[in-house]
PDB file of N, CA and C in Angstrom:
ATOM      1  N   MET A   1      63.854  65.527-209.465  1.00  0.00           N
ATOM      2  CA  MET A   1      63.993  64.865-210.742  1.00  0.00           C
ATOM      3  C   MET A   1      64.732  63.548-210.542  1.00  0.00           C
ATOM      4  N   LYS A   2      64.077  62.466-210.897  1.00  0.00           N
ATOM      5  CA  LYS A   2      64.708  61.163-210.796  1.00  0.00           C
ATOM      6  C   LYS A   2      65.353  60.805-212.126  1.00  0.00           C
ATOM      7  N   LEU A   3      66.547  60.321-212.032  1.00  0.00           N
ATOM      8  CA  LEU A   3      67.288  59.926-213.223  1.00  0.00           C
ATOM      9  C   LEU A   3      67.226  58.411-213.329  1.00  0.00           C
ATOM     10  N   LYS A   4      66.562  57.925-214.347  1.00  0.00           N
ATOM     11  CA  LYS A   4      66.438  56.484-214.549  1.00  0.00           C
ATOM     12  C   LYS A   4      67.504  56.027-215.535  1.00  0.00           C
ATOM     13  N   LEU A   5      68.383  55.181-215.045  1.00  0.00           N
ATOM     14  CA  LEU A   5      69.462  54.667-215.880  1.00  0.00           C
ATOM     15  C   LEU A   5      69.166  53.233-216.280  1.00  0.00           C
ATOM     16  N   SER A   6      69.641  52.861-217.439  1.00  0.00           N
ATOM     17  CA  SER A   6      69.518  51.481-217.902  1.00  0.00           C
ATOM     18  C   SER A   6      70.838  51.073-218.544  1.00  0.00           C
ATOM     19  N   ALA A   7      71.009  49.803-218.715  1.00  0.00           N
ATOM     20  CA  ALA A   7      72.234  49.324-219.359  1.00  0.00           C
ATOM     21  C   ALA A   7      72.239  49.751-220.825  1.00  0.00           C
ATOM     22  N   PRO A   8      73.389  50.144-221.341  1.00  0.00           N
ATOM     23  CA  PRO A   8      73.445  50.525-222.758  1.00  0.00           C
ATOM     24  C   PRO A   8      73.173  49.313-223.647  1.00  0.00           C
ATOM     25  N   THR A   9      72.601  49.576-224.797  1.00  0.00           N
ATOM     26  CA  THR A   9      72.322  48.483-225.732  1.00  0.00           C
ATOM     27  C   THR A   9      73.631  47.985-226.341  1.00  0.00           C
ATOM     28  N   GLN A  10      73.546  46.890-227.030  1.00  0.00           N
ATOM     29  CA  GLN A  10      74.738  46.285-227.617  1.00  0.00           C
ATOM     30  C   GLN A  10      75.376  47.205-228.653  1.00  0.00           C
ATOM     31  N   LEU A  11      74.573  47.947-229.398  1.00  0.00           N
ATOM     32  CA  LEU A  11      75.108  48.866-230.402  1.00  0.00           C
ATOM     33  C   LEU A  11      75.944  49.965-229.749  1.00  0.00           C
ATOM     34  N   PHE A  12      75.418  50.588-228.682  1.00  0.00           N
ATOM     35  CA  PHE A  12      76.172  51.623-227.980  1.00  0.00           C
ATOM     36  C   PHE A  12      77.459  51.043-227.402  1.00  0.00           C
ATOM     37  N   PHE A  13      77.375  49.842-226.844  1.00  0.00           N
ATOM     38  CA  PHE A  13      78.546  49.225-226.244  1.00  0.00           C
ATOM     39  C   PHE A  13      79.615  48.935-227.290  1.00  0.00           C
ATOM     40  N   ILE A  14      79.236  48.432-228.444  1.00  0.00           N
ATOM     41  CA  ILE A  14      80.208  48.111-229.491  1.00  0.00           C
ATOM     42  C   ILE A  14      80.866  49.376-230.033  1.00  0.00           C
ATOM     43  N   ILE A  15      80.085  50.428-230.223  1.00  0.00           N
ATOM     44  CA  ILE A  15      80.661  51.692-230.697  1.00  0.00           C
ATOM     45  C   ILE A  15      81.656  52.235-229.680  1.00  0.00           C
ATOM     46  N   ALA A  16      81.283  52.204-228.394  1.00  0.00           N
ATOM     47  CA  ALA A  16      82.185  52.684-227.346  1.00  0.00           C
ATOM     48  C   ALA A  16      83.433  51.821-227.260  1.00  0.00           C
ATOM     49  N   LEU A  17      83.283  50.525-227.428  1.00  0.00           N
ATOM     50  CA  LEU A  17      84.425  49.625-227.383  1.00  0.00           C
ATOM     51  C   LEU A  17      85.399  49.895-228.523  1.00  0.00           C
ATOM     52  N   ILE A  18      84.879  50.114-229.717  1.00  0.00           N
ATOM     53  CA  ILE A  18      85.740  50.424-230.870  1.00  0.00           C
ATOM     54  C   ILE A  18      86.486  51.732-230.640  1.00  0.00           C
ATOM     55  N   LEU A  19      85.790  52.742-230.125  1.00  0.00           N
ATOM     56  CA  LEU A  19      86.445  54.019-229.845  1.00  0.00           C
ATOM     57  C   LEU A  19      87.518  53.873-228.776  1.00  0.00           C
ATOM     58  N   ALA A  20      87.235  53.091-227.743  1.00  0.00           N
ATOM     59  CA  ALA A  20      88.214  52.896-226.670  1.00  0.00           C
ATOM     60  C   ALA A  20      89.442  52.135-227.171  1.00  0.00           C
ATOM     61  N   ILE A  21      89.240  51.136-228.016  1.00  0.00           N
ATOM     62  CA  ILE A  21      90.372  50.389-228.569  1.00  0.00           C
ATOM     63  C   ILE A  21      91.226  51.288-229.453  1.00  0.00           C
ATOM     64  N   LEU A  22      90.582  52.120-230.256  1.00  0.00           N
ATOM     65  CA  LEU A  22      91.341  53.073-231.073  1.00  0.00           C
ATOM     66  C   LEU A  22      92.130  54.041-230.206  1.00  0.00           C
ATOM     67  N   ALA A  23      91.540  54.486-229.101  1.00  0.00           N
ATOM     68  CA  ALA A  23      92.247  55.390-228.183  1.00  0.00           C
ATOM     69  C   ALA A  23      93.459  54.704-227.562  1.00  0.00           C
ATOM     70  N   LEU A  24      93.299  53.458-227.159  1.00  0.00           N
ATOM     71  CA  LEU A  24      94.437  52.730-226.581  1.00  0.00           C
ATOM     72  C   LEU A  24      95.537  52.501-227.604  1.00  0.00           C
ATOM     73  N   LEU A  25      95.166  52.108-228.802  1.00  0.00           N
ATOM     74  CA  LEU A  25      96.173  51.894-229.840  1.00  0.00           C
ATOM     75  C   LEU A  25      96.876  53.188-230.207  1.00  0.00           C
ATOM     76  N   GLY A  26      96.153  54.289-230.185  1.00  0.00           N
ATOM     77  CA  GLY A  26      96.767  55.579-230.465  1.00  0.00           C
ATOM     78  C   GLY A  26      97.696  56.033-229.351  1.00  0.00           C
ATOM     79  N   SER A  27      97.331  55.758-228.104  1.00  0.00           N
ATOM     80  CA  SER A  27      98.178  56.199-226.997  1.00  0.00           C
ATOM     81  C   SER A  27      99.471  55.398-226.913  1.00  0.00           C
ATOM     82  N   PHE A  28      99.455  54.158-227.374  1.00  0.00           N
ATOM     83  CA  PHE A  28     100.669  53.354-227.400  1.00  0.00           C
ATOM     84  C   PHE A  28     101.404  53.472-228.723  1.00  0.00           C
ATOM     85  N   ALA A  29     101.003  54.404-229.567  1.00  0.00           N
ATOM     86  CA  ALA A  29     101.639  54.718-230.850  1.00  0.00           C
ATOM     87  C   ALA A  29     101.626  53.551-231.817  1.00  0.00           C
ATOM     88  N   VAL A  30     100.683  52.638-231.662  1.00  0.00           N
ATOM     89  CA  VAL A  30     100.533  51.558-232.634  1.00  0.00           C
ATOM     90  C   VAL A  30      99.878  52.103-233.900  1.00  0.00           C
ATOM     91  N   LEU A  31      98.944  53.036-233.709  1.00  0.00           N
ATOM     92  CA  LEU A  31      98.296  53.722-234.831  1.00  0.00           C
ATOM     93  C   LEU A  31      98.659  55.207-234.763  1.00  0.00           C
ATOM     94  N   PRO A  32      99.712  55.608-235.441  1.00  0.00           N
ATOM     95  CA  PRO A  32     100.132  57.008-235.355  1.00  0.00           C
ATOM     96  C   PRO A  32      99.099  57.994-235.906  1.00  0.00           C
ATOM     97  N   ALA A  33      98.207  57.525-236.763  1.00  0.00           N
ATOM     98  CA  ALA A  33      97.212  58.428-237.346  1.00  0.00           C
ATOM     99  C   ALA A  33      96.227  58.941-236.304  1.00  0.00           C
ATOM    100  N   VAL A  34      95.983  58.176-235.245  1.00  0.00           N
ATOM    101  CA  VAL A  34      95.028  58.596-234.218  1.00  0.00           C
ATOM    102  C   VAL A  34      95.716  58.947-232.901  1.00  0.00           C
ATOM    103  N   ALA A  35      97.047  58.979-232.888  1.00  0.00           N
ATOM    104  CA  ALA A  35      97.788  59.239-231.655  1.00  0.00           C
ATOM    105  C   ALA A  35      97.453  60.604-231.066  1.00  0.00           C
ATOM    106  N   GLY A  36      97.258  61.588-231.897  1.00  0.00           N
ATOM    107  CA  GLY A  36      96.938  62.923-231.411  1.00  0.00           C
ATOM    108  C   GLY A  36      95.515  63.062-230.905  1.00  0.00           C
ATOM    109  N   TYR A  37      94.688  62.109-231.214  1.00  0.00           N
ATOM    110  CA  TYR A  37      93.284  62.170-230.824  1.00  0.00           C
ATOM    111  C   TYR A  37      92.910  61.124-229.777  1.00  0.00           C
ATOM    112  N   SER A  38      93.890  60.493-229.156  1.00  0.00           N
ATOM    113  CA  SER A  38      93.586  59.383-228.254  1.00  0.00           C
ATOM    114  C   SER A  38      92.756  59.834-227.052  1.00  0.00           C
ATOM    115  N   PHE A  39      93.041  61.011-226.502  1.00  0.00           N
ATOM    116  CA  PHE A  39      92.228  61.502-225.381  1.00  0.00           C
ATOM    117  C   PHE A  39      90.790  61.716-225.816  1.00  0.00           C
ATOM    118  N   TRP A  40      90.605  62.343-226.965  1.00  0.00           N
ATOM    119  CA  TRP A  40      89.248  62.636-227.425  1.00  0.00           C
ATOM    120  C   TRP A  40      88.497  61.376-227.832  1.00  0.00           C
ATOM    121  N   LEU A  41      89.201  60.383-228.328  1.00  0.00           N
ATOM    122  CA  LEU A  41      88.554  59.108-228.625  1.00  0.00           C
ATOM    123  C   LEU A  41      88.098  58.416-227.344  1.00  0.00           C
ATOM    124  N   ALA A  42      88.925  58.468-226.306  1.00  0.00           N
ATOM    125  CA  ALA A  42      88.544  57.880-225.023  1.00  0.00           C
ATOM    126  C   ALA A  42      87.367  58.647-224.417  1.00  0.00           C
ATOM    127  N   PHE A  43      87.379  59.957-224.537  1.00  0.00           N
ATOM    128  CA  PHE A  43      86.269  60.761-224.038  1.00  0.00           C
ATOM    129  C   PHE A  43      84.991  60.458-224.809  1.00  0.00           C
ATOM    130  N   ALA A  44      85.100  60.293-226.118  1.00  0.00           N
ATOM    131  CA  ALA A  44      83.927  59.964-226.933  1.00  0.00           C
ATOM    132  C   ALA A  44      83.385  58.591-226.561  1.00  0.00           C
ATOM    133  N   ALA A  45      84.260  57.635-226.251  1.00  0.00           N
ATOM    134  CA  ALA A  45      83.813  56.313-225.827  1.00  0.00           C
ATOM    135  C   ALA A  45      83.032  56.411-224.529  1.00  0.00           C
ATOM    136  N   TRP A  46      83.530  57.210-223.591  1.00  0.00           N
ATOM    137  CA  TRP A  46      82.827  57.411-222.326  1.00  0.00           C
ATOM    138  C   TRP A  46      81.478  58.090-222.565  1.00  0.00           C
ATOM    139  N   ALA A  47      81.447  59.090-223.434  1.00  0.00           N
ATOM    140  CA  ALA A  47      80.212  59.822-223.701  1.00  0.00           C
ATOM    141  C   ALA A  47      79.173  58.923-224.363  1.00  0.00           C
ATOM    142  N   VAL A  48      79.600  58.059-225.259  1.00  0.00           N
ATOM    143  CA  VAL A  48      78.671  57.126-225.914  1.00  0.00           C
ATOM    144  C   VAL A  48      78.071  56.176-224.876  1.00  0.00           C
ATOM    145  N   LEU A  49      78.894  55.670-223.959  1.00  0.00           N
ATOM    146  CA  LEU A  49      78.368  54.793-222.909  1.00  0.00           C
ATOM    147  C   LEU A  49      77.419  55.544-221.984  1.00  0.00           C
ATOM    148  N   ALA A  50      77.771  56.787-221.656  1.00  0.00           N
ATOM    149  CA  ALA A  50      76.906  57.580-220.781  1.00  0.00           C
ATOM    150  C   ALA A  50      75.561  57.847-221.461  1.00  0.00           C
ATOM    151  N   LEU A  51      75.586  58.231-222.716  1.00  0.00           N
ATOM    152  CA  LEU A  51      74.334  58.465-223.435  1.00  0.00           C
ATOM    153  C   LEU A  51      73.536  57.180-223.601  1.00  0.00           C
ATOM    154  N   GLY A  52      74.231  56.085-223.802  1.00  0.00           N
ATOM    155  CA  GLY A  52      73.564  54.802-223.943  1.00  0.00           C
ATOM    156  C   GLY A  52      72.851  54.375-222.673  1.00  0.00           C
ATOM    157  N   SER A  53      73.390  54.738-221.523  1.00  0.00           N
ATOM    158  CA  SER A  53      72.736  54.380-220.273  1.00  0.00           C
ATOM    159  C   SER A  53      71.620  55.357-219.905  1.00  0.00           C
ATOM    160  N   LEU A  54      71.643  56.547-220.477  1.00  0.00           N
ATOM    161  CA  LEU A  54      70.577  57.513-220.231  1.00  0.00           C
ATOM    162  C   LEU A  54      69.361  57.281-221.117  1.00  0.00           C
ATOM    163  N   MET A  55      69.571  56.703-222.300  1.00  0.00           N
ATOM    164  CA  MET A  55      68.480  56.477-223.243  1.00  0.00           C
ATOM    165  C   MET A  55      67.855  55.113-222.994  1.00  0.00           C
ATOM    166  N   LYS A  56      66.587  55.113-222.692  1.00  0.00           N
ATOM    167  CA  LYS A  56      65.918  53.852-222.391  1.00  0.00           C
ATOM    168  C   LYS A  56      65.437  53.195-223.676  1.00  0.00           C
ATOM    169  N   GLY A  57      65.882  51.983-223.912  1.00  0.00           N
ATOM    170  CA  GLY A  57      65.412  51.207-225.046  1.00  0.00           C
ATOM    171  C   GLY A  57      65.891  51.681-226.396  1.00  0.00           C
ATOM    172  N   ALA A  58      66.938  52.487-226.453  1.00  0.00           N
ATOM    173  CA  ALA A  58      67.429  52.981-227.738  1.00  0.00           C
ATOM    174  C   ALA A  58      68.394  52.011-228.357  1.00  0.00           C
TER     175      ALA A  58
END
């Protein structure tokens, strides 16, 4: 089985970037509302980028 990867589209990249920024702000306690979820926000950002590179032309 060959896995064909492509660059994520701009939409996937922007969503992942927003999630990653929220995770960073939460980990530095700038946004206390998301501080408890900073790991999961960072994981979601990674997952969005991974899915974006697996989906061709999405």
